[in-house]
Protein backbone atom coordinates (compact mmCIF):
# COMPACT_ATOMS: atom_id res chain seq x y z
CA UNK A 1 -47.86 3.37 45.49
CA UNK A 2 -45.93 5.64 43.14
CA UNK A 3 -42.30 4.69 43.84
CA UNK A 4 -39.85 3.15 46.32
CA UNK A 5 -36.48 4.52 47.42
CA UNK A 6 -34.01 1.77 48.36
CA UNK A 7 -30.83 3.77 49.01
CA UNK A 8 -31.26 3.92 52.81
CA UNK A 9 -31.17 1.22 55.51
CA UNK A 10 -34.91 0.68 55.11
CA UNK A 11 -37.02 1.29 52.00
CA UNK A 12 -39.13 4.45 51.68
CA UNK A 13 -42.45 3.79 49.95
CA UNK A 14 -44.09 6.90 48.53
CA UNK A 15 -47.63 7.56 47.32
CA UNK A 16 -46.57 10.72 45.47
CA UNK A 17 -44.24 11.55 42.63
CA UNK A 18 -42.54 14.63 44.05
CA UNK A 19 -41.86 15.84 47.58
CA UNK A 20 -40.03 18.96 48.78
CA UNK A 21 -36.36 18.46 49.62
CA UNK A 22 -36.78 19.13 53.34
CA UNK A 23 -39.48 16.49 53.74
CA UNK A 24 -37.45 14.04 51.67
CA UNK A 25 -34.44 14.54 53.93
CA UNK A 26 -36.66 13.84 56.94
CA UNK A 27 -37.97 10.66 55.28
CA UNK A 28 -34.39 9.50 54.69
CA UNK A 29 -33.58 10.16 58.35
CA UNK A 30 -36.52 7.99 59.38
CA UNK A 31 -35.35 5.19 57.11
CA UNK A 32 -31.95 5.17 58.84
CA UNK A 33 -33.24 4.91 62.41
CA UNK A 34 -32.01 1.68 64.09
CA UNK A 35 -35.43 0.58 65.35
CA UNK A 36 -37.56 0.98 62.19
CA UNK A 37 -39.79 -1.96 61.26
CA UNK A 38 -40.00 -2.98 57.58
CA UNK A 39 -40.11 0.40 55.78
CA UNK A 40 -41.28 4.02 55.85
CA UNK A 41 -44.61 4.95 54.25
CA UNK A 42 -45.13 8.48 52.90
CA UNK A 43 -48.68 9.54 52.05
CA UNK A 44 -49.59 11.69 49.01
CA UNK A 45 -50.20 14.84 51.08
CA UNK A 46 -46.71 14.76 52.66
CA UNK A 47 -44.79 17.94 53.42
CA UNK A 48 -42.15 19.21 55.86
CA UNK A 49 -42.81 18.81 59.59
CA UNK A 50 -40.74 18.81 62.80
CA UNK A 51 -38.46 15.77 62.67
CA UNK A 52 -40.84 13.73 60.53
CA UNK A 53 -42.81 14.68 57.43
CA UNK A 54 -46.47 15.45 57.99
CA UNK A 55 -48.13 12.67 56.04
CA UNK A 56 -45.64 10.08 57.26
CA UNK A 57 -46.18 6.63 58.80
CA UNK A 58 -43.43 5.07 60.91
CA UNK A 59 -43.50 1.67 62.65
CA UNK A 60 -40.96 1.23 65.45
CA UNK A 61 -39.80 -1.68 67.58
CA UNK A 62 -39.53 -0.89 71.28
CA UNK A 63 -39.50 2.91 71.19
CA UNK A 64 -41.89 5.85 70.91
CA UNK A 65 -40.87 9.17 69.32
CA UNK A 66 -42.86 12.20 70.56
CA UNK A 67 -41.97 14.27 67.48
CA UNK A 68 -43.27 11.46 65.25
CA UNK A 69 -46.70 12.05 66.81
CA UNK A 70 -46.47 15.83 66.78
CA UNK A 71 -47.52 18.72 68.97
CA UNK A 72 -51.27 18.55 68.33
CA UNK A 73 -51.76 15.06 69.72
CA UNK A 74 -55.04 13.48 68.63
CA UNK A 75 -55.78 16.14 66.03
CA UNK A 76 -58.32 14.76 63.61
CA UNK A 77 -61.64 14.99 61.83
CA UNK A 78 -65.26 14.28 62.55
CA UNK A 79 -68.25 14.37 60.24
CA UNK A 80 -71.97 13.78 60.56
CA UNK A 81 -74.72 13.46 57.99
CA UNK A 82 -77.97 15.37 58.53
CA UNK A 83 -81.43 14.63 57.14
CA UNK A 84 -81.47 18.00 55.35
CA UNK A 85 -81.13 18.23 51.57
CA UNK A 86 -80.46 21.97 51.37
CA UNK A 87 -79.85 25.17 53.33
CA UNK A 88 -80.43 28.62 51.87
CA UNK A 89 -78.05 31.55 52.29
CA UNK A 90 -79.94 33.06 55.23
CA UNK A 91 -80.05 29.74 57.08
CA UNK A 92 -76.31 29.27 56.53
CA UNK A 93 -75.56 32.78 57.82
CA UNK A 94 -77.72 32.19 60.90
CA UNK A 95 -75.97 28.89 61.55
CA UNK A 96 -72.52 30.52 61.25
CA UNK A 97 -73.63 33.20 63.73
CA UNK A 98 -74.69 30.49 66.20
CA UNK A 99 -71.37 28.69 65.79
CA UNK A 100 -69.37 31.89 66.45
CA UNK A 101 -71.52 32.55 69.52
CA UNK A 102 -71.15 29.09 71.07
CA UNK A 103 -67.70 27.87 69.89
CA UNK A 104 -64.60 29.97 70.71
CA UNK A 105 -62.24 30.26 67.75
CA UNK A 106 -58.48 30.73 67.45
CA UNK A 107 -56.78 31.34 70.79
CA UNK A 108 -60.09 32.01 72.57
CA UNK A 109 -61.38 29.72 75.34
CA UNK A 110 -64.73 29.43 77.09
CA UNK A 111 -65.20 32.02 79.84
CA UNK A 112 -66.52 29.26 82.10
CA UNK A 113 -65.09 25.76 82.50
CA UNK A 114 -67.13 23.02 80.85
CA UNK A 115 -68.74 20.24 82.88
CA UNK A 116 -66.00 17.91 84.16
CA UNK A 117 -68.19 14.92 83.15
CA UNK A 118 -67.39 15.83 79.53
CA UNK A 119 -63.66 15.38 80.15
CA UNK A 120 -62.16 11.97 79.33
CA UNK A 121 -60.90 9.59 81.98
CA UNK A 122 -57.37 8.17 81.87
CA UNK A 123 -56.92 4.64 80.52
CA UNK A 124 -56.98 1.79 83.03
CA UNK A 125 -59.04 3.75 85.56
CA UNK A 126 -56.02 5.73 86.74
CA UNK A 127 -56.66 9.01 88.53
CA UNK A 128 -55.82 12.16 86.55
CA UNK A 129 -53.22 13.00 89.21
CA UNK A 130 -51.11 10.10 87.90
CA UNK A 131 -50.62 11.99 84.61
CA UNK A 132 -47.96 14.59 85.29
CA UNK A 133 -48.67 17.11 82.53
CA UNK A 134 -52.38 16.42 82.02
CA UNK A 135 -53.05 16.96 85.74
CA UNK A 136 -51.36 20.38 85.57
CA UNK A 137 -53.41 21.38 82.54
CA UNK A 138 -56.69 19.71 83.53
CA UNK A 139 -58.58 22.78 84.77
CA UNK A 140 -57.49 24.97 81.85
CA UNK A 141 -58.44 22.05 79.60
CA UNK A 142 -62.01 22.30 80.84
CA UNK A 143 -62.14 25.84 79.43
CA UNK A 144 -60.65 24.66 76.12
CA UNK A 145 -63.05 21.75 75.65
CA UNK A 146 -65.38 22.57 72.76
CA UNK A 147 -63.08 25.19 71.18
CA UNK A 148 -61.76 25.13 67.63
CA UNK A 149 -58.21 26.46 67.83
CA UNK A 150 -56.37 28.13 64.95
CA UNK A 151 -54.21 27.25 61.97
CA UNK A 152 -55.89 24.83 59.59
CA UNK A 153 -58.70 23.87 61.97
CA UNK A 154 -62.18 24.46 60.61
CA UNK A 155 -65.91 23.88 60.83
CA UNK A 156 -67.55 23.32 57.46
CA UNK A 157 -71.13 22.87 56.27
CA UNK A 158 -71.16 20.70 53.15
CA UNK A 159 -73.44 19.20 50.50
CA UNK A 160 -72.78 15.53 49.93
CA UNK A 161 -72.94 13.57 46.68
CA UNK A 162 -75.48 11.45 48.58
CA UNK A 163 -77.87 14.44 48.50
CA UNK A 164 -77.59 15.34 52.19
CA UNK A 165 -76.13 18.25 54.15
CA UNK A 166 -73.09 17.28 56.24
CA UNK A 167 -71.17 18.87 59.12
CA UNK A 168 -67.38 18.44 59.26
CA UNK A 169 -64.96 19.58 61.99
CA UNK A 170 -61.16 19.54 62.10
CA UNK A 171 -59.56 20.18 65.49
CA UNK A 172 -57.23 18.69 68.09
CA UNK A 173 -56.19 18.63 71.74
CA UNK A 174 -55.53 22.36 72.04
CA UNK A 175 -52.90 23.47 74.57
CA UNK A 176 -53.15 20.18 76.48
CA UNK A 177 -51.58 18.18 73.66
CA UNK A 178 -49.03 20.90 72.96
CA UNK A 179 -47.81 20.84 76.57
CA UNK A 180 -47.60 17.03 76.67
CA UNK A 181 -45.73 16.88 73.36
CA UNK A 182 -43.19 19.54 74.31
CA UNK A 183 -42.51 18.10 77.74
CA UNK A 184 -41.82 14.56 76.51
CA UNK A 185 -39.82 15.64 73.48
CA UNK A 186 -37.54 17.66 75.77
CA UNK A 187 -37.38 14.74 78.20
CA UNK A 188 -36.42 12.34 75.40
CA UNK A 189 -33.64 14.70 74.32
CA UNK A 190 -32.38 15.05 77.88
CA UNK A 191 -32.33 11.28 78.48
CA UNK A 192 -30.88 10.31 75.11
CA UNK A 193 -27.48 9.51 76.64
CA UNK A 194 -28.99 7.21 79.25
CA UNK A 195 -30.85 5.31 76.53
CA UNK A 196 -27.70 4.94 74.42
CA UNK A 197 -29.15 6.89 71.52
CA UNK A 198 -27.15 7.07 68.29
CA UNK A 199 -29.77 9.29 66.61
CA UNK A 200 -28.28 12.70 65.68
CA UNK A 201 -29.94 15.50 67.68
CA UNK A 202 -30.45 17.64 64.61
CA UNK A 203 -32.83 14.98 63.24
CA UNK A 204 -35.34 16.03 65.98
CA UNK A 205 -36.28 12.37 66.55
CA UNK A 206 -35.41 11.78 70.20
CA UNK A 207 -37.10 8.63 71.53
CA UNK A 208 -38.24 6.98 74.74
CA UNK A 209 -38.07 3.18 75.18
CA UNK A 210 -41.62 1.85 75.40
CA UNK A 211 -40.79 -0.25 78.47
CA UNK A 212 -39.20 2.66 80.35
CA UNK A 213 -41.12 4.56 83.01
CA UNK A 214 -40.89 7.69 80.85
CA UNK A 215 -42.11 5.87 77.73
CA UNK A 216 -45.08 4.39 79.57
CA UNK A 217 -45.94 7.78 81.03
CA UNK A 218 -45.82 9.45 77.62
CA UNK A 219 -48.10 6.83 76.10
CA UNK A 220 -50.65 7.29 78.90
CA UNK A 221 -50.64 11.06 78.50
CA UNK A 222 -50.70 10.81 74.70
CA UNK A 223 -53.75 8.53 74.86
CA UNK A 224 -55.47 10.99 77.17
CA UNK A 225 -54.82 13.79 74.67
CA UNK A 226 -56.27 11.66 71.85
CA UNK A 227 -59.40 11.14 73.96
CA UNK A 228 -59.52 14.85 74.83
CA UNK A 229 -59.33 15.80 71.15
CA UNK A 230 -62.22 13.42 70.42
CA UNK A 231 -64.28 14.91 73.27
CA UNK A 232 -63.45 18.38 71.96
CA UNK A 233 -64.71 17.62 68.45
CA UNK A 234 -67.77 15.83 69.79
CA UNK A 235 -68.80 18.80 71.95
CA UNK A 236 -68.35 21.22 69.04
CA UNK A 237 -70.47 18.94 66.85
CA UNK A 238 -73.24 19.05 69.45
CA UNK A 239 -73.15 22.86 69.41
CA UNK A 240 -73.36 22.94 65.60
CA UNK A 241 -76.26 20.50 65.68
CA UNK A 242 -78.04 22.72 68.21
CA UNK A 243 -77.66 25.58 65.73
CA UNK A 244 -79.10 23.52 62.88
CA UNK A 245 -82.12 22.62 64.99
CA UNK A 246 -82.70 26.34 65.53
CA UNK A 247 -82.34 27.49 61.92
CA UNK A 248 -83.78 24.51 59.98
CA UNK A 249 -85.99 22.29 62.19
CA UNK A 250 -86.71 19.43 62.22
CA UNK A 251 -83.36 17.72 61.64
CA UNK A 252 -82.20 14.17 62.26
CA UNK A 253 -78.56 13.10 62.39
CA UNK A 254 -76.76 10.02 61.11
CA UNK A 255 -73.67 8.15 62.29
CA UNK A 256 -70.91 10.22 63.91
CA UNK A 257 -67.60 9.52 62.13
CA UNK A 258 -64.39 10.38 64.02
CA UNK A 259 -60.76 9.77 63.11
CA UNK A 260 -57.46 10.99 64.53
CA UNK A 261 -54.33 11.64 62.47
CA UNK A 262 -51.61 12.44 65.05
CA UNK A 263 -50.96 9.51 67.39
CA UNK A 264 -49.07 6.26 67.98
CA UNK A 265 -50.73 2.88 68.50
CA UNK A 266 -49.63 -0.69 69.15
CA UNK A 267 -50.49 -2.77 66.09
CA UNK A 268 -49.36 -5.93 64.33
CA UNK A 269 -47.75 -5.54 60.91
CA UNK A 270 -45.69 -8.06 58.94
CA UNK A 271 -45.97 -10.55 61.83
CA UNK A 272 -44.51 -8.19 64.45
CA UNK A 273 -46.08 -6.10 67.24
CA UNK A 274 -44.94 -2.56 66.54
CA UNK A 275 -45.78 1.00 67.53
CA UNK A 276 -47.22 2.74 64.48
CA UNK A 277 -46.71 6.52 64.49
CA UNK A 278 -49.13 8.37 62.22
CA UNK A 279 -48.23 12.03 61.88
CA UNK A 280 -50.76 13.62 59.58
CA UNK A 281 -51.97 10.21 58.43
CA UNK A 282 -55.24 8.35 58.94
CA UNK A 283 -55.76 4.67 59.70
CA UNK A 284 -57.46 2.87 56.78
CA UNK A 285 -58.14 -0.73 57.77
CA UNK A 286 -60.28 -2.80 55.42
CA UNK A 287 -63.84 -1.47 55.59
CA UNK A 288 -62.95 1.35 58.00
CA UNK A 289 -64.66 4.69 57.29
CA UNK A 290 -62.33 7.67 57.15
CA UNK A 291 -62.26 11.33 56.16
CA UNK A 292 -59.90 13.09 53.74
CA UNK A 293 -60.64 16.83 53.85
CA UNK A 294 -59.80 19.23 51.06
CA UNK A 295 -58.63 22.80 51.47
CA UNK A 296 -60.97 25.74 51.89
CA UNK A 297 -63.19 25.84 48.82
CA UNK A 298 -62.41 22.34 47.52
CA UNK A 299 -64.24 19.03 48.07
CA UNK A 300 -63.62 16.67 50.97
CA UNK A 301 -64.10 12.92 50.84
CA UNK A 302 -65.63 10.25 53.02
CA UNK A 303 -63.64 7.10 52.24
CA UNK A 304 -63.56 3.39 53.03
CA UNK A 305 -60.21 1.80 53.81
CA UNK A 306 -58.79 -1.11 51.80
CA UNK A 307 -56.39 -2.33 54.50
CA UNK A 308 -53.28 -2.01 52.33
CA UNK A 309 -50.36 -3.60 54.22
CA UNK A 310 -47.72 -1.52 52.42
CA UNK A 311 -49.01 1.73 53.96
CA UNK A 312 -49.42 0.09 57.40
CA UNK A 313 -53.15 0.32 56.66
CA UNK A 314 -53.03 4.12 56.42
CA UNK A 315 -54.00 6.93 54.05
CA UNK A 316 -53.56 10.70 53.81
CA UNK A 317 -55.12 13.11 56.32
CA UNK A 318 -55.93 15.83 53.81
CA UNK A 319 -54.64 17.68 50.77
CA UNK A 320 -51.31 18.73 52.30
CA UNK A 321 -49.60 22.09 51.99
CA UNK A 322 -47.68 23.01 48.85
CA UNK A 323 -46.39 26.31 50.27
CA UNK A 324 -45.61 27.61 53.76
CA UNK A 325 -47.91 30.01 55.57
CA UNK A 326 -45.78 33.12 55.09
CA UNK A 327 -45.07 32.21 51.47
CA UNK A 328 -48.83 31.92 50.83
CA UNK A 329 -49.50 35.30 52.45
CA UNK A 330 -46.79 36.90 50.31
CA UNK A 331 -47.46 35.26 46.96
CA UNK A 332 -51.17 34.49 46.64
CA UNK A 333 -53.60 37.06 45.22
CA UNK A 334 -56.27 37.95 47.80
CA UNK A 335 -58.97 38.94 45.32
CA UNK A 336 -58.32 35.91 43.13
CA UNK A 337 -58.62 33.50 46.08
CA UNK A 338 -61.79 35.24 47.27
CA UNK A 339 -63.29 35.12 43.77
CA UNK A 340 -62.67 31.37 43.51
CA UNK A 341 -64.80 30.87 46.59
CA UNK A 342 -67.47 33.44 45.77
CA UNK A 343 -67.95 32.05 42.26
CA UNK A 344 -68.90 28.76 43.92
CA UNK A 345 -71.30 30.54 46.28
CA UNK A 346 -69.26 29.49 49.35
CA UNK A 347 -69.51 31.54 52.55
CA UNK A 348 -65.78 31.64 53.28
CA UNK A 349 -63.20 32.87 55.80
CA UNK A 350 -60.72 34.69 53.53
CA UNK A 351 -61.06 38.27 54.79
CA UNK A 352 -57.56 39.72 54.48
CA UNK A 353 -54.06 38.90 53.23
CA UNK A 354 -53.18 37.22 56.53
CA UNK A 355 -55.90 34.62 55.83
CA UNK A 356 -54.20 33.51 52.61
CA UNK A 357 -52.21 30.86 54.50
CA UNK A 358 -55.44 28.85 54.50
CA UNK A 359 -56.53 29.64 50.95
CA UNK A 360 -56.98 26.79 48.46
CA UNK A 361 -53.93 28.02 46.55
CA UNK A 362 -51.68 27.15 49.51
CA UNK A 363 -52.61 23.46 49.28
CA UNK A 364 -52.06 20.57 46.90
CA UNK A 365 -54.76 19.48 44.48
CA UNK A 366 -57.03 17.27 46.60
CA UNK A 367 -58.24 15.30 43.57
CA UNK A 368 -54.67 14.38 42.65
CA UNK A 369 -53.95 13.45 46.28
CA UNK A 370 -56.98 11.12 46.31
CA UNK A 371 -56.10 9.67 42.90
CA UNK A 372 -52.62 8.76 44.20
CA UNK A 373 -54.07 6.58 46.96
CA UNK A 374 -56.88 4.65 45.34
CA UNK A 375 -54.99 1.50 46.34
CA UNK A 376 -55.46 2.60 49.97
CA UNK A 377 -59.07 3.83 50.02
CA UNK A 378 -62.21 4.09 47.93
CA UNK A 379 -64.36 7.23 47.89
CA UNK A 380 -67.92 6.72 49.11
CA UNK A 381 -69.19 10.32 49.46
CA UNK A 382 -67.89 13.57 47.94
CA UNK A 383 -68.57 16.60 50.16
CA UNK A 384 -68.64 20.09 48.62
CA UNK A 385 -68.34 23.14 50.92
CA UNK A 386 -71.23 25.55 51.42
CA UNK A 387 -69.93 27.56 54.37
CA UNK A 388 -66.60 27.59 56.23
CA UNK A 389 -65.44 28.87 59.61
CA UNK A 390 -61.68 28.91 60.22
CA UNK A 391 -59.85 29.17 63.51
């Protein structure tokens, strides 16, 4: 931990020295909510979000806040080690071609719906029809299963410090999670008077009581979206593995590592049962394996959690942005960002100025971000990029 702010109703514990003013204001808002448990934890990759900083961890008593989970519910990372020790340029290009052929990118969906057996089932054996928003989006969700999406989502082929080739994927719950998040955030705003809310509307932190019908419904639909995001990443991983078997047989695959970084879960912290909201933060219980990705062209890290109580057993979800998308497109030098990647021999996705929002220059220094949280995690494998596909 780098510092603690004690000027608000609850302390704010930060794992970074400096944070932009907008994100700091959001952190102060969180610390003044009436139902906060213990303190607010801000991870070293934190930056401005909607209502709550991305890279924030919030434990609440009796309420759930849709905007403290975010619009891409269940967004997260997966990684898998292969038995390969190297891939040459032609093999990498062939693999990227297979990925583009089998995994829709950006706003694209599959032309045909995927097998319904690949879709998750609601918790508690409930029928899908019991989930108001999920049931409406279920059929379109079948066409989105196994698709990458846009923004900062990526598929990356990496060389590990352990000597092996790795596959890493960052993606979420696609339009399904977006629809669930928007519906329940609007519902929470509409019902704020009924719930006796004293939270200012401009804080964008409308809540639902956990024991209310609406709160229970949100949690069920949120959990479904988390499971959908996992199924989405898992299916994409299978398609990438199919490609590897075509371009570099034979290949064997190690343990599948999956973590989410946008969700809320019931946990026990400081002797109380609370709902921990992680928005752009990863759980890091003692011994738990996690993933902290870098930006395009920088290393990513496989880590082991230390179970630090002060962070609610959490760590960062990545490097974190240091400039907004439009600012990056305006201010970064296209040829300089391309050269950084090409000098490392990385097959990259920076083609034009509009791609600069996902250039390494738009993100914080991943090594500094990791250094700031060595009390939360230990690095077990460093993963350097060989080839990158962006949404």
